[in-house]
Amino acid sequence: MSISILIADESAAARKNLMSAMPSEWDVTFSEAANSNDALAACHRGDAAVLFLDTTLPGMSNIDLMDALERAHANTSVIIISEDARASRRGEARAHGAVAFVEKPVRPEALASVLRACNLLSNDLLETEAAY
């Protein structure tokens, strides 16, 4: 069963980079948002089981967006993507509902590790991928 992934980043190049870093055997469908309002609307429509959320998205802040998702009881796992990897930034994101934090530029091996830690990717899938 395919997992719906929403990548919310104002940069088309960053969205493309993140898509290319995804494990090739992971069964996902992608959608994109260039601002927080579009990201929130997509989550409300149910278009995002997993939201990769940039910290500098135009519109409301990423914290306000995560709070809005919580208030709406959205069933979306939020993974923050950012060039700013300070511990304080990570802690703030987790306090507002993020399940993980991925540093930009996103490296495939780091992303796979985060996805496994969040139970979004199984080790069996990665072993199958490595065999090819």
N, C-alpha and C. Protein backbone atom coordinates (compact mmCIF):
# COMPACT_ATOMS: atom_id res chain seq x y z
N MET A 1 0.84 -1.19 0.00
CA MET A 1 0.00 0.00 0.00
C MET A 1 0.88 1.24 0.00
N SER A 2 0.59 2.14 -0.86
CA SER A 2 1.39 3.36 -1.03
C SER A 2 1.15 4.33 0.12
N ILE A 3 2.22 5.00 0.54
CA ILE A 3 2.16 6.01 1.59
C ILE A 3 2.15 7.38 0.92
N SER A 4 1.25 8.25 1.34
CA SER A 4 1.19 9.60 0.77
C SER A 4 2.19 10.51 1.48
N ILE A 5 3.06 11.10 0.70
CA ILE A 5 4.11 11.98 1.20
C ILE A 5 3.88 13.38 0.66
N LEU A 6 3.87 14.35 1.56
CA LEU A 6 3.79 15.76 1.17
C LEU A 6 5.12 16.40 1.52
N ILE A 7 5.74 17.03 0.53
CA ILE A 7 6.98 17.76 0.76
C ILE A 7 6.66 19.24 0.68
N ALA A 8 6.81 19.93 1.82
CA ALA A 8 6.49 21.35 1.90
C ALA A 8 7.78 22.14 2.05
N ASP A 9 8.18 22.75 0.96
CA ASP A 9 9.41 23.55 0.93
C ASP A 9 9.23 24.59 -0.16
N GLU A 10 9.65 25.83 0.10
CA GLU A 10 9.48 26.88 -0.91
C GLU A 10 10.37 26.68 -2.12
N SER A 11 11.41 25.87 -1.99
CA SER A 11 12.36 25.63 -3.08
C SER A 11 12.02 24.37 -3.86
N ALA A 12 11.74 24.53 -5.14
CA ALA A 12 11.46 23.37 -6.00
C ALA A 12 12.68 22.45 -6.05
N ALA A 13 13.88 23.03 -6.06
CA ALA A 13 15.10 22.21 -6.09
C ALA A 13 15.23 21.38 -4.81
N ALA A 14 14.90 21.96 -3.67
CA ALA A 14 14.96 21.22 -2.40
C ALA A 14 13.93 20.10 -2.38
N ARG A 15 12.74 20.35 -2.92
CA ARG A 15 11.72 19.31 -2.98
C ARG A 15 12.20 18.16 -3.87
N LYS A 16 12.79 18.49 -4.99
CA LYS A 16 13.31 17.47 -5.91
C LYS A 16 14.43 16.68 -5.25
N ASN A 17 15.33 17.37 -4.54
CA ASN A 17 16.43 16.71 -3.84
C ASN A 17 15.90 15.71 -2.83
N LEU A 18 14.89 16.10 -2.07
CA LEU A 18 14.32 15.21 -1.07
C LEU A 18 13.67 14.00 -1.73
N MET A 19 12.95 14.21 -2.80
CA MET A 19 12.33 13.09 -3.51
C MET A 19 13.39 12.10 -4.00
N SER A 20 14.49 12.62 -4.51
CA SER A 20 15.54 11.74 -5.03
C SER A 20 16.29 11.01 -3.91
N ALA A 21 16.22 11.52 -2.70
CA ALA A 21 16.88 10.87 -1.56
C ALA A 21 16.05 9.75 -0.95
N MET A 22 14.78 9.66 -1.34
CA MET A 22 13.90 8.62 -0.79
C MET A 22 14.37 7.24 -1.25
N PRO A 23 14.25 6.24 -0.38
CA PRO A 23 14.58 4.87 -0.79
C PRO A 23 13.76 4.47 -2.00
N SER A 24 14.42 3.94 -3.02
CA SER A 24 13.73 3.65 -4.29
C SER A 24 12.66 2.58 -4.17
N GLU A 25 12.78 1.70 -3.21
CA GLU A 25 11.80 0.63 -3.05
C GLU A 25 10.64 1.01 -2.13
N TRP A 26 10.66 2.22 -1.57
CA TRP A 26 9.60 2.66 -0.69
C TRP A 26 8.40 3.03 -1.54
N ASP A 27 7.25 2.43 -1.28
CA ASP A 27 6.05 2.64 -2.08
C ASP A 27 5.34 3.91 -1.61
N VAL A 28 5.59 5.01 -2.30
CA VAL A 28 5.04 6.30 -1.91
C VAL A 28 4.45 7.04 -3.11
N THR A 29 3.54 7.94 -2.80
CA THR A 29 3.07 8.90 -3.79
C THR A 29 3.40 10.28 -3.24
N PHE A 30 3.91 11.14 -4.09
CA PHE A 30 4.35 12.46 -3.66
C PHE A 30 3.36 13.54 -4.04
N SER A 31 3.24 14.52 -3.16
CA SER A 31 2.62 15.79 -3.50
C SER A 31 3.52 16.86 -2.93
N GLU A 32 3.35 18.07 -3.41
CA GLU A 32 4.24 19.16 -3.04
C GLU A 32 3.45 20.40 -2.65
N ALA A 33 4.07 21.19 -1.76
CA ALA A 33 3.51 22.49 -1.39
C ALA A 33 4.66 23.47 -1.26
N ALA A 34 4.45 24.68 -1.76
CA ALA A 34 5.49 25.72 -1.70
C ALA A 34 5.24 26.72 -0.59
N ASN A 35 4.11 26.57 0.14
CA ASN A 35 3.83 27.47 1.26
C ASN A 35 3.01 26.72 2.31
N SER A 36 2.94 27.28 3.49
CA SER A 36 2.29 26.59 4.61
C SER A 36 0.78 26.46 4.43
N ASN A 37 0.14 27.42 3.80
CA ASN A 37 -1.30 27.33 3.59
C ASN A 37 -1.66 26.15 2.69
N ASP A 38 -0.89 25.96 1.61
CA ASP A 38 -1.12 24.82 0.72
C ASP A 38 -0.82 23.51 1.44
N ALA A 39 0.20 23.51 2.28
CA ALA A 39 0.55 22.30 3.04
C ALA A 39 -0.58 21.94 4.01
N LEU A 40 -1.10 22.92 4.71
CA LEU A 40 -2.18 22.68 5.66
C LEU A 40 -3.42 22.16 4.94
N ALA A 41 -3.75 22.77 3.80
CA ALA A 41 -4.91 22.32 3.03
C ALA A 41 -4.74 20.87 2.57
N ALA A 42 -3.56 20.51 2.11
CA ALA A 42 -3.29 19.14 1.67
C ALA A 42 -3.45 18.16 2.82
N CYS A 43 -2.97 18.53 3.99
CA CYS A 43 -3.11 17.66 5.17
C CYS A 43 -4.57 17.51 5.56
N HIS A 44 -5.34 18.59 5.49
CA HIS A 44 -6.78 18.53 5.80
C HIS A 44 -7.52 17.63 4.81
N ARG A 45 -7.05 17.59 3.56
CA ARG A 45 -7.68 16.73 2.56
C ARG A 45 -7.28 15.26 2.74
N GLY A 46 -6.30 15.01 3.59
CA GLY A 46 -5.81 13.65 3.78
C GLY A 46 -4.75 13.25 2.79
N ASP A 47 -4.11 14.23 2.17
CA ASP A 47 -3.09 13.97 1.15
C ASP A 47 -1.71 13.72 1.72
N ALA A 48 -1.59 13.62 3.06
CA ALA A 48 -0.25 13.49 3.65
C ALA A 48 -0.27 12.61 4.89
N ALA A 49 0.17 11.36 4.71
CA ALA A 49 0.40 10.51 5.87
C ALA A 49 1.68 10.97 6.55
N VAL A 50 2.63 11.45 5.70
CA VAL A 50 3.90 11.97 6.19
C VAL A 50 4.13 13.33 5.55
N LEU A 51 4.43 14.32 6.37
CA LEU A 51 4.72 15.68 5.90
C LEU A 51 6.17 16.00 6.19
N PHE A 52 6.95 16.23 5.14
CA PHE A 52 8.31 16.74 5.30
C PHE A 52 8.18 18.26 5.23
N LEU A 53 8.46 18.93 6.35
CA LEU A 53 8.16 20.34 6.51
C LEU A 53 9.43 21.16 6.70
N ASP A 54 9.68 22.08 5.79
CA ASP A 54 10.81 23.00 5.91
C ASP A 54 10.51 24.03 6.99
N THR A 55 11.56 24.50 7.65
CA THR A 55 11.36 25.45 8.75
C THR A 55 11.14 26.88 8.28
N THR A 56 11.42 27.19 7.05
CA THR A 56 11.29 28.57 6.57
C THR A 56 10.25 28.70 5.46
N LEU A 57 9.20 27.94 5.55
CA LEU A 57 8.14 27.97 4.55
C LEU A 57 7.38 29.29 4.61
N PRO A 58 7.07 29.90 3.46
CA PRO A 58 6.27 31.12 3.46
C PRO A 58 4.89 30.88 4.06
N GLY A 59 4.36 31.90 4.70
CA GLY A 59 3.05 31.80 5.35
C GLY A 59 3.25 31.62 6.84
N MET A 60 2.39 30.84 7.45
CA MET A 60 2.52 30.62 8.90
C MET A 60 3.81 29.84 9.19
N SER A 61 4.29 29.97 10.40
CA SER A 61 5.53 29.27 10.79
C SER A 61 5.29 27.77 10.83
N ASN A 62 6.37 27.01 10.80
CA ASN A 62 6.23 25.56 10.88
C ASN A 62 5.62 25.16 12.22
N ILE A 63 5.91 25.89 13.27
CA ILE A 63 5.33 25.61 14.59
C ILE A 63 3.81 25.84 14.55
N ASP A 64 3.40 26.97 13.97
CA ASP A 64 1.96 27.25 13.86
C ASP A 64 1.26 26.19 13.00
N LEU A 65 1.93 25.73 11.95
CA LEU A 65 1.35 24.70 11.09
C LEU A 65 1.19 23.38 11.86
N MET A 66 2.21 22.99 12.61
CA MET A 66 2.09 21.76 13.40
C MET A 66 1.00 21.88 14.46
N ASP A 67 0.89 23.05 15.08
CA ASP A 67 -0.17 23.27 16.06
C ASP A 67 -1.55 23.18 15.40
N ALA A 68 -1.70 23.72 14.19
CA ALA A 68 -2.97 23.65 13.47
C ALA A 68 -3.31 22.20 13.13
N LEU A 69 -2.31 21.41 12.77
CA LEU A 69 -2.54 19.99 12.48
C LEU A 69 -3.00 19.26 13.74
N GLU A 70 -2.39 19.59 14.86
CA GLU A 70 -2.77 18.96 16.13
C GLU A 70 -4.21 19.32 16.49
N ARG A 71 -4.56 20.59 16.35
CA ARG A 71 -5.93 21.02 16.67
C ARG A 71 -6.96 20.33 15.78
N ALA A 72 -6.57 20.05 14.53
CA ALA A 72 -7.48 19.41 13.58
C ALA A 72 -7.45 17.88 13.71
N HIS A 73 -6.63 17.38 14.62
CA HIS A 73 -6.48 15.94 14.80
C HIS A 73 -6.08 15.25 13.50
N ALA A 74 -5.25 15.92 12.73
CA ALA A 74 -4.78 15.35 11.47
C ALA A 74 -3.89 14.15 11.77
N ASN A 75 -4.06 13.12 10.98
CA ASN A 75 -3.27 11.90 11.14
C ASN A 75 -2.05 11.99 10.22
N THR A 76 -1.18 12.93 10.52
CA THR A 76 0.00 13.21 9.69
C THR A 76 1.24 13.19 10.56
N SER A 77 2.23 12.39 10.16
CA SER A 77 3.53 12.40 10.84
C SER A 77 4.37 13.51 10.23
N VAL A 78 4.86 14.42 11.06
CA VAL A 78 5.64 15.56 10.56
C VAL A 78 7.12 15.31 10.80
N ILE A 79 7.90 15.42 9.73
CA ILE A 79 9.35 15.35 9.81
C ILE A 79 9.88 16.70 9.34
N ILE A 80 10.59 17.37 10.21
CA ILE A 80 11.15 18.68 9.89
C ILE A 80 12.41 18.51 9.06
N ILE A 81 12.55 19.33 8.03
CA ILE A 81 13.77 19.38 7.22
C ILE A 81 14.32 20.79 7.32
N SER A 82 15.61 20.90 7.65
CA SER A 82 16.18 22.23 7.85
C SER A 82 17.69 22.22 7.75
N GLU A 83 18.24 23.35 7.37
CA GLU A 83 19.69 23.54 7.41
C GLU A 83 20.15 23.90 8.81
N ASP A 84 19.23 24.32 9.65
CA ASP A 84 19.52 24.73 11.03
C ASP A 84 19.27 23.53 11.95
N ALA A 85 20.34 22.84 12.33
CA ALA A 85 20.21 21.60 13.10
C ALA A 85 20.51 21.79 14.59
N ARG A 86 20.38 23.02 15.09
CA ARG A 86 20.65 23.24 16.52
C ARG A 86 19.71 22.40 17.38
N ALA A 87 20.21 21.97 18.51
CA ALA A 87 19.41 21.15 19.44
C ALA A 87 18.16 21.89 19.87
N SER A 88 18.24 23.20 20.06
CA SER A 88 17.07 23.96 20.48
C SER A 88 15.98 23.93 19.41
N ARG A 89 16.38 23.98 18.16
CA ARG A 89 15.43 23.93 17.04
C ARG A 89 14.75 22.56 16.99
N ARG A 90 15.55 21.50 17.20
CA ARG A 90 15.00 20.14 17.20
C ARG A 90 14.01 19.96 18.35
N GLY A 91 14.40 20.43 19.54
CA GLY A 91 13.54 20.30 20.71
C GLY A 91 12.23 21.02 20.54
N GLU A 92 12.28 22.22 19.99
CA GLU A 92 11.06 22.99 19.76
C GLU A 92 10.14 22.26 18.78
N ALA A 93 10.72 21.72 17.72
CA ALA A 93 9.92 21.00 16.73
C ALA A 93 9.26 19.78 17.35
N ARG A 94 10.00 19.02 18.13
CA ARG A 94 9.44 17.83 18.79
C ARG A 94 8.35 18.21 19.78
N ALA A 95 8.54 19.31 20.49
CA ALA A 95 7.54 19.76 21.46
C ALA A 95 6.21 20.11 20.80
N HIS A 96 6.26 20.41 19.52
CA HIS A 96 5.05 20.78 18.79
C HIS A 96 4.58 19.67 17.85
N GLY A 97 5.11 18.45 18.04
CA GLY A 97 4.56 17.31 17.33
C GLY A 97 5.40 16.67 16.25
N ALA A 98 6.55 17.23 15.93
CA ALA A 98 7.39 16.60 14.91
C ALA A 98 7.90 15.26 15.43
N VAL A 99 7.92 14.27 14.56
CA VAL A 99 8.42 12.95 14.95
C VAL A 99 9.91 12.80 14.68
N ALA A 100 10.45 13.68 13.84
CA ALA A 100 11.88 13.59 13.50
C ALA A 100 12.34 14.90 12.88
N PHE A 101 13.65 14.99 12.73
CA PHE A 101 14.31 16.18 12.18
C PHE A 101 15.39 15.68 11.23
N VAL A 102 15.40 16.17 10.00
CA VAL A 102 16.39 15.78 9.00
C VAL A 102 17.12 17.03 8.55
N GLU A 103 18.43 16.95 8.56
CA GLU A 103 19.25 18.10 8.17
C GLU A 103 19.41 18.16 6.65
N LYS A 104 19.32 19.39 6.11
CA LYS A 104 19.59 19.64 4.69
C LYS A 104 21.08 19.87 4.50
N PRO A 105 21.65 19.53 3.38
CA PRO A 105 21.01 18.77 2.31
C PRO A 105 20.76 17.33 2.77
N VAL A 106 19.63 16.80 2.35
CA VAL A 106 19.21 15.47 2.79
C VAL A 106 20.05 14.40 2.10
N ARG A 107 20.65 13.54 2.91
CA ARG A 107 21.43 12.41 2.40
C ARG A 107 20.58 11.15 2.47
N PRO A 108 20.58 10.32 1.43
CA PRO A 108 19.73 9.12 1.41
C PRO A 108 19.91 8.22 2.63
N GLU A 109 21.15 8.00 3.07
CA GLU A 109 21.37 7.10 4.21
C GLU A 109 20.83 7.71 5.51
N ALA A 110 20.94 9.00 5.69
CA ALA A 110 20.40 9.66 6.88
C ALA A 110 18.88 9.62 6.86
N LEU A 111 18.29 9.83 5.69
CA LEU A 111 16.85 9.79 5.55
C LEU A 111 16.32 8.39 5.85
N ALA A 112 16.97 7.37 5.30
CA ALA A 112 16.53 5.99 5.56
C ALA A 112 16.60 5.68 7.05
N SER A 113 17.62 6.15 7.73
CA SER A 113 17.75 5.93 9.17
C SER A 113 16.60 6.57 9.93
N VAL A 114 16.25 7.79 9.56
CA VAL A 114 15.14 8.49 10.21
C VAL A 114 13.82 7.76 9.94
N LEU A 115 13.62 7.33 8.71
CA LEU A 115 12.38 6.63 8.36
C LEU A 115 12.25 5.32 9.13
N ARG A 116 13.36 4.60 9.30
CA ARG A 116 13.33 3.37 10.10
C ARG A 116 13.02 3.69 11.55
N ALA A 117 13.65 4.72 12.10
CA ALA A 117 13.43 5.11 13.50
C ALA A 117 11.97 5.50 13.74
N CYS A 118 11.31 6.02 12.74
CA CYS A 118 9.90 6.43 12.85
C CYS A 118 8.95 5.30 12.46
N ASN A 119 9.50 4.11 12.22
CA ASN A 119 8.71 2.96 11.79
C ASN A 119 7.95 3.21 10.49
N LEU A 120 8.54 4.01 9.63
CA LEU A 120 7.94 4.28 8.32
C LEU A 120 8.60 3.46 7.22
N LEU A 121 9.69 2.79 7.56
CA LEU A 121 10.45 2.01 6.59
C LEU A 121 11.00 0.81 7.32
N SER A 122 10.80 -0.37 6.77
CA SER A 122 11.28 -1.57 7.45
C SER A 122 12.68 -1.94 6.98
N ASN A 123 13.40 -2.63 7.84
CA ASN A 123 14.73 -3.12 7.48
C ASN A 123 14.64 -4.12 6.33
N ASP A 124 13.56 -4.91 6.27
CA ASP A 124 13.40 -5.87 5.19
C ASP A 124 13.40 -5.19 3.83
N LEU A 125 12.75 -4.04 3.76
CA LEU A 125 12.69 -3.29 2.51
C LEU A 125 14.08 -2.84 2.10
N LEU A 126 14.86 -2.34 3.05
CA LEU A 126 16.21 -1.88 2.72
C LEU A 126 17.11 -3.03 2.32
N GLU A 127 16.95 -4.21 2.95
CA GLU A 127 17.76 -5.37 2.59
C GLU A 127 17.43 -5.82 1.17
N THR A 128 16.15 -5.77 0.80
CA THR A 128 15.73 -6.11 -0.55
C THR A 128 16.35 -5.12 -1.54
N GLU A 129 16.31 -3.84 -1.21
CA GLU A 129 16.87 -2.82 -2.09
C GLU A 129 18.37 -3.00 -2.27
N ALA A 130 19.09 -3.34 -1.18
CA ALA A 130 20.54 -3.51 -1.24
C ALA A 130 20.94 -4.72 -2.08
N ALA A 131 20.05 -5.68 -2.22
CA ALA A 131 20.37 -6.89 -2.98
C ALA A 131 20.43 -6.64 -4.47
N TYR A 132 19.85 -5.56 -4.94
CA TYR A 132 19.82 -5.26 -6.38
C TYR A 132 21.00 -4.48 -6.83
